[in-house]
C-alpha cells in the first residue's frame, strides 16, 4: 500500500498487510482511500474552501463547474462529534435519506457519520454538517454571521449535482 502521510512513513511511503489482516481491518470499519487521477475520475469535483473561522463557526465557499455558493459550518474542535466541523480532506458524497427528504452525505468521515450538506441559517442548526447559502447577515443579532437563502441554494446545488455522487475536497 501507499500511505497518505508521505515518504517518511513506512518504507519510502509504502507498507504491507496480508490479505487476511486487510480484510479484518476493513470489516472493522477501517478506511481505505484510493486516489484516482482527475483525468480518469467520472465523479465531479466539488471544492469547499474555508475562508474564516472563530470559536463559534466557520465560513467558506463551495465551488464546482458552473456553480458556487457560500458555506457555514461549526468551528474546528478536533473533529469532535456534534460540536466540530469535519476535517479538511477528500470525501465521497452520496445522495441519502435525510429527515423527510434526501440530501448529500459525506462518506469516509474520519470516524464521523451523518455529515450532510443541507439548509439552515445558524451555526446551531448543524451538528457537524455543512450549510449552503448565497450571502451572510446577522439575522438573529448574536454577533455571528448567519447564512441566507439556504433552502433555495441547497435546491440549486442538488439540481446541479442531479443526485449523482461527487468528490468533495475540503481545504
C-alpha atoms as a PDB file:
ATOM      1  CA  UNK A   1       0.000   0.000   0.000  1.00  0.00           C
ATOM      2  CA  UNK A   2       0.962   3.623  -0.426  1.00  0.00           C
ATOM      3  CA  UNK A   3       0.204   5.705   2.649  1.00  0.00           C
ATOM      4  CA  UNK A   4      -1.083   9.273   2.637  1.00  0.00           C
ATOM      5  CA  UNK A   5       1.479  10.678   5.092  1.00  0.00           C
ATOM      6  CA  UNK A   6       4.408  10.925   2.691  1.00  0.00           C
ATOM      7  CA  UNK A   7       7.594   9.001   2.051  1.00  0.00           C
ATOM      8  CA  UNK A   8       8.929   9.389   5.614  1.00  0.00           C
ATOM      9  CA  UNK A   9       6.301   6.883   6.859  1.00  0.00           C
ATOM     10  CA  UNK A  10       6.786   3.158   6.339  1.00  0.00           C
ATOM     11  CA  UNK A  11       9.328   2.233   3.703  1.00  0.00           C
ATOM     12  CA  UNK A  12       9.515   5.219   1.351  1.00  0.00           C
ATOM     13  CA  UNK A  13       5.807   5.875   1.884  1.00  0.00           C
ATOM     14  CA  UNK A  14       4.697   2.266   1.478  1.00  0.00           C
ATOM     15  CA  UNK A  15       3.605  -0.511   3.826  1.00  0.00           C
ATOM     16  CA  UNK A  16       2.201  -4.001   3.518  1.00  0.00           C
ATOM     17  CA  UNK A  17      -0.553  -6.053   5.142  1.00  0.00           C
ATOM     18  CA  UNK A  18      -1.656  -9.581   4.400  1.00  0.00           C
ATOM     19  CA  UNK A  19      -4.989 -10.022   2.661  1.00  0.00           C
ATOM     20  CA  UNK A  20      -6.419 -11.585   5.843  1.00  0.00           C
ATOM     21  CA  UNK A  21      -5.338  -8.652   8.038  1.00  0.00           C
ATOM     22  CA  UNK A  22      -6.554  -6.123   5.455  1.00  0.00           C
ATOM     23  CA  UNK A  23      -9.978  -7.816   5.266  1.00  0.00           C
ATOM     24  CA  UNK A  24     -10.241  -7.885   9.081  1.00  0.00           C
ATOM     25  CA  UNK A  25      -9.346  -4.198   9.430  1.00  0.00           C
ATOM     26  CA  UNK A  26     -11.724  -3.188   6.659  1.00  0.00           C
ATOM     27  CA  UNK A  27     -14.536  -5.242   8.244  1.00  0.00           C
ATOM     28  CA  UNK A  28     -13.928  -3.317  11.486  1.00  0.00           C
ATOM     29  CA  UNK A  29     -14.827  -0.060   9.658  1.00  0.00           C
ATOM     30  CA  UNK A  30     -11.306   0.772   8.556  1.00  0.00           C
ATOM     31  CA  UNK A  31     -10.957   3.436   5.890  1.00  0.00           C
ATOM     32  CA  UNK A  32      -9.388   2.933   2.509  1.00  0.00           C
ATOM     33  CA  UNK A  33      -8.859   5.861   0.201  1.00  0.00           C
ATOM     34  CA  UNK A  34      -7.991   5.228  -3.403  1.00  0.00           C
ATOM     35  CA  UNK A  35      -6.743   8.231  -5.319  1.00  0.00           C
ATOM     36  CA  UNK A  36      -7.833   8.332  -8.921  1.00  0.00           C
ATOM     37  CA  UNK A  37      -6.223  10.856 -11.270  1.00  0.00           C
ATOM     38  CA  UNK A  38      -8.667  13.655 -12.105  1.00  0.00           C
ATOM     39  CA  UNK A  39      -8.443  12.769 -15.792  1.00  0.00           C
ATOM     40  CA  UNK A  40      -9.777   9.250 -15.008  1.00  0.00           C
ATOM     41  CA  UNK A  41     -12.403  10.118 -12.416  1.00  0.00           C
ATOM     42  CA  UNK A  42     -16.005  10.035 -13.562  1.00  0.00           C
ATOM     43  CA  UNK A  43     -17.286  11.859 -10.472  1.00  0.00           C
ATOM     44  CA  UNK A  44     -17.488  15.641 -10.474  1.00  0.00           C
ATOM     45  CA  UNK A  45     -15.142  17.505  -8.111  1.00  0.00           C
ATOM     46  CA  UNK A  46     -16.657  19.988  -5.640  1.00  0.00           C
ATOM     47  CA  UNK A  47     -14.315  22.184  -3.579  1.00  0.00           C
ATOM     48  CA  UNK A  48     -15.097  23.740  -0.211  1.00  0.00           C
ATOM     49  CA  UNK A  49     -12.551  26.424   0.672  1.00  0.00           C
ATOM     50  CA  UNK A  50     -12.728  27.594   4.266  1.00  0.00           C
ATOM     51  CA  UNK A  51     -12.104  31.315   4.438  1.00  0.00           C
ATOM     52  CA  UNK A  52     -12.541  32.393   8.038  1.00  0.00           C
ATOM     53  CA  UNK A  53     -13.327  30.789  11.370  1.00  0.00           C
ATOM     54  CA  UNK A  54     -13.691  31.661  15.010  1.00  0.00           C
ATOM     55  CA  UNK A  55     -14.620  29.693  18.125  1.00  0.00           C
ATOM     56  CA  UNK A  56     -18.289  29.538  17.053  1.00  0.00           C
ATOM     57  CA  UNK A  57     -18.401  28.971  13.291  1.00  0.00           C
ATOM     58  CA  UNK A  58     -16.510  28.565  10.029  1.00  0.00           C
ATOM     59  CA  UNK A  59     -17.367  30.400   6.819  1.00  0.00           C
ATOM     60  CA  UNK A  60     -16.318  29.339   3.359  1.00  0.00           C
ATOM     61  CA  UNK A  61     -17.078  28.960  -0.316  1.00  0.00           C
ATOM     62  CA  UNK A  62     -18.223  25.891  -2.250  1.00  0.00           C
ATOM     63  CA  UNK A  63     -17.398  25.675  -5.964  1.00  0.00           C
ATOM     64  CA  UNK A  64     -17.957  23.229  -8.790  1.00  0.00           C
ATOM     65  CA  UNK A  65     -18.218  23.581 -12.536  1.00  0.00           C
ATOM     66  CA  UNK A  66     -20.855  26.277 -13.150  1.00  0.00           C
ATOM     67  CA  UNK A  67     -21.966  26.645  -9.515  1.00  0.00           C
ATOM     68  CA  UNK A  68     -20.678  28.444  -6.432  1.00  0.00           C
ATOM     69  CA  UNK A  69     -22.153  29.440  -3.095  1.00  0.00           C
ATOM     70  CA  UNK A  70     -21.207  30.247   0.498  1.00  0.00           C
ATOM     71  CA  UNK A  71     -20.960  27.779   3.390  1.00  0.00           C
ATOM     72  CA  UNK A  72     -21.421  27.830   7.146  1.00  0.00           C
ATOM     73  CA  UNK A  73     -20.041  25.125   9.450  1.00  0.00           C
ATOM     74  CA  UNK A  74     -19.101  24.656  13.075  1.00  0.00           C
ATOM     75  CA  UNK A  75     -15.581  25.604  14.249  1.00  0.00           C
ATOM     76  CA  UNK A  76     -12.615  23.246  14.214  1.00  0.00           C
ATOM     77  CA  UNK A  77     -12.741  21.373  17.515  1.00  0.00           C
ATOM     78  CA  UNK A  78     -10.599  18.364  16.553  1.00  0.00           C
ATOM     79  CA  UNK A  79     -13.414  16.507  14.763  1.00  0.00           C
ATOM     80  CA  UNK A  80     -15.431  16.042  17.957  1.00  0.00           C
ATOM     81  CA  UNK A  81     -18.878  14.632  17.226  1.00  0.00           C
ATOM     82  CA  UNK A  82     -21.751  17.169  17.160  1.00  0.00           C
ATOM     83  CA  UNK A  83     -19.589  20.208  18.034  1.00  0.00           C
ATOM     84  CA  UNK A  84     -16.905  20.327  15.330  1.00  0.00           C
ATOM     85  CA  UNK A  85     -16.707  20.697  11.583  1.00  0.00           C
ATOM     86  CA  UNK A  86     -15.393  17.774   9.547  1.00  0.00           C
ATOM     87  CA  UNK A  87     -11.595  17.857   8.952  1.00  0.00           C
ATOM     88  CA  UNK A  88     -10.017  19.010   5.715  1.00  0.00           C
ATOM     89  CA  UNK A  89      -9.653  16.180   3.233  1.00  0.00           C
ATOM     90  CA  UNK A  90     -11.296  14.421   0.322  1.00  0.00           C
ATOM     91  CA  UNK A  91     -14.706  12.798   0.712  1.00  0.00           C
ATOM     92  CA  UNK A  92     -17.143  10.968  -1.500  1.00  0.00           C
ATOM     93  CA  UNK A  93     -20.682  12.384  -1.247  1.00  0.00           C
ATOM     94  CA  UNK A  94     -23.728  10.208  -1.853  1.00  0.00           C
ATOM     95  CA  UNK A  95     -27.427  11.057  -2.199  1.00  0.00           C
ATOM     96  CA  UNK A  96     -29.019   9.685   1.007  1.00  0.00           C
ATOM     97  CA  UNK A  97     -32.228   9.937   3.041  1.00  0.00           C
ATOM     98  CA  UNK A  98     -32.168  12.870   5.493  1.00  0.00           C
ATOM     99  CA  UNK A  99     -35.110  13.716   7.725  1.00  0.00           C
ATOM    100  CA  UNK A 100     -38.135  13.688   5.388  1.00  0.00           C
ATOM    101  CA  UNK A 101     -36.195  14.172   2.162  1.00  0.00           C
ATOM    102  CA  UNK A 102     -32.775  13.389   0.622  1.00  0.00           C
ATOM    103  CA  UNK A 103     -29.507  15.323   0.751  1.00  0.00           C
ATOM    104  CA  UNK A 104     -25.845  14.615   0.102  1.00  0.00           C
ATOM    105  CA  UNK A 105     -23.972  12.788   2.861  1.00  0.00           C
ATOM    106  CA  UNK A 106     -20.183  12.750   3.238  1.00  0.00           C
ATOM    107  CA  UNK A 107     -18.715   9.253   3.335  1.00  0.00           C
ATOM    108  CA  UNK A 108     -15.457   8.103   4.986  1.00  0.00           C
ATOM    109  CA  UNK A 109     -15.902  10.839   7.613  1.00  0.00           C
ATOM    110  CA  UNK A 110     -12.823  10.097   9.718  1.00  0.00           C
ATOM    111  CA  UNK A 111     -14.822   8.457  12.491  1.00  0.00           C
ATOM    112  CA  UNK A 112     -17.948  10.541  11.893  1.00  0.00           C
ATOM    113  CA  UNK A 113     -21.234   9.631  10.240  1.00  0.00           C
ATOM    114  CA  UNK A 114     -24.350  11.612   9.416  1.00  0.00           C
ATOM    115  CA  UNK A 115     -22.471  14.597   7.946  1.00  0.00           C
ATOM    116  CA  UNK A 116     -24.873  16.120   5.394  1.00  0.00           C
ATOM    117  CA  UNK A 117     -24.969  19.161   3.121  1.00  0.00           C
ATOM    118  CA  UNK A 118     -28.312  20.785   3.911  1.00  0.00           C
ATOM    119  CA  UNK A 119     -30.183  24.023   4.548  1.00  0.00           C
ATOM    120  CA  UNK A 120     -30.238  26.112   7.712  1.00  0.00           C
ATOM    121  CA  UNK A 121     -29.342  29.616   8.789  1.00  0.00           C
ATOM    122  CA  UNK A 122     -27.409  29.480  12.046  1.00  0.00           C
ATOM    123  CA  UNK A 123     -24.322  27.747  13.423  1.00  0.00           C
ATOM    124  CA  UNK A 124     -26.604  25.967  15.903  1.00  0.00           C
ATOM    125  CA  UNK A 125     -28.592  24.424  13.013  1.00  0.00           C
ATOM    126  CA  UNK A 126     -25.789  21.887  12.491  1.00  0.00           C
ATOM    127  CA  UNK A 127     -24.040  19.117  14.399  1.00  0.00           C
ATOM    128  CA  UNK A 128     -21.055  18.938  12.050  1.00  0.00           C
ATOM    129  CA  UNK A 129     -22.885  19.311   8.732  1.00  0.00           C
ATOM    130  CA  UNK A 130     -22.379  21.927   6.001  1.00  0.00           C
ATOM    131  CA  UNK A 131     -24.962  24.655   5.341  1.00  0.00           C
ATOM    132  CA  UNK A 132     -25.189  26.367   1.949  1.00  0.00           C
ATOM    133  CA  UNK A 133     -26.445  29.861   1.115  1.00  0.00           C
ATOM    134  CA  UNK A 134     -25.825  32.875  -1.099  1.00  0.00           C
ATOM    135  CA  UNK A 135     -24.872  35.573   1.437  1.00  0.00           C
ATOM    136  CA  UNK A 136     -24.263  36.287   5.120  1.00  0.00           C
ATOM    137  CA  UNK A 137     -26.007  38.572   7.611  1.00  0.00           C
ATOM    138  CA  UNK A 138     -26.505  38.584  11.367  1.00  0.00           C
ATOM    139  CA  UNK A 139     -30.204  37.659  11.302  1.00  0.00           C
ATOM    140  CA  UNK A 140     -30.593  36.888  14.995  1.00  0.00           C
ATOM    141  CA  UNK A 141     -28.293  39.688  16.254  1.00  0.00           C
ATOM    142  CA  UNK A 142     -25.890  37.346  18.097  1.00  0.00           C
ATOM    143  CA  UNK A 143     -22.770  38.922  16.510  1.00  0.00           C
ATOM    144  CA  UNK A 144     -22.194  35.867  14.283  1.00  0.00           C
ATOM    145  CA  UNK A 145     -22.748  35.583  10.543  1.00  0.00           C
ATOM    146  CA  UNK A 146     -25.834  33.635   9.530  1.00  0.00           C
ATOM    147  CA  UNK A 147     -26.283  32.184   6.063  1.00  0.00           C
ATOM    148  CA  UNK A 148     -29.135  33.436   3.838  1.00  0.00           C
ATOM    149  CA  UNK A 149     -31.321  31.870   1.137  1.00  0.00           C
ATOM    150  CA  UNK A 150     -30.192  28.447   2.226  1.00  0.00           C
ATOM    151  CA  UNK A 151     -33.133  26.333   1.034  1.00  0.00           C
ATOM    152  CA  UNK A 152     -33.018  27.898  -2.425  1.00  0.00           C
ATOM    153  CA  UNK A 153     -29.225  27.470  -2.633  1.00  0.00           C
ATOM    154  CA  UNK A 154     -29.302  23.827  -1.496  1.00  0.00           C
ATOM    155  CA  UNK A 155     -32.037  23.085  -4.036  1.00  0.00           C
ATOM    156  CA  UNK A 156     -29.966  24.694  -6.823  1.00  0.00           C
ATOM    157  CA  UNK A 157     -26.868  22.737  -5.769  1.00  0.00           C
ATOM    158  CA  UNK A 158     -28.756  19.439  -5.622  1.00  0.00           C
ATOM    159  CA  UNK A 159     -30.300  20.079  -9.052  1.00  0.00           C
ATOM    160  CA  UNK A 160     -26.830  20.830 -10.418  1.00  0.00           C
ATOM    161  CA  UNK A 161     -25.456  17.565  -8.987  1.00  0.00           C
ATOM    162  CA  UNK A 162     -28.534  15.574 -10.051  1.00  0.00           C
ATOM    163  CA  UNK A 163     -28.438  13.075  -7.180  1.00  0.00           C
ATOM    164  CA  UNK A 164     -25.209  11.632  -8.586  1.00  0.00           C
ATOM    165  CA  UNK A 165     -22.131  11.006  -6.390  1.00  0.00           C
ATOM    166  CA  UNK A 166     -19.328  13.545  -6.325  1.00  0.00           C
ATOM    167  CA  UNK A 167     -15.947  14.073  -4.715  1.00  0.00           C
ATOM    168  CA  UNK A 168     -15.793  16.853  -2.124  1.00  0.00           C
ATOM    169  CA  UNK A 169     -12.378  18.377  -1.461  1.00  0.00           C
ATOM    170  CA  UNK A 170     -12.320  20.430   1.747  1.00  0.00           C
ATOM    171  CA  UNK A 171      -9.359  22.788   2.111  1.00  0.00           C
END
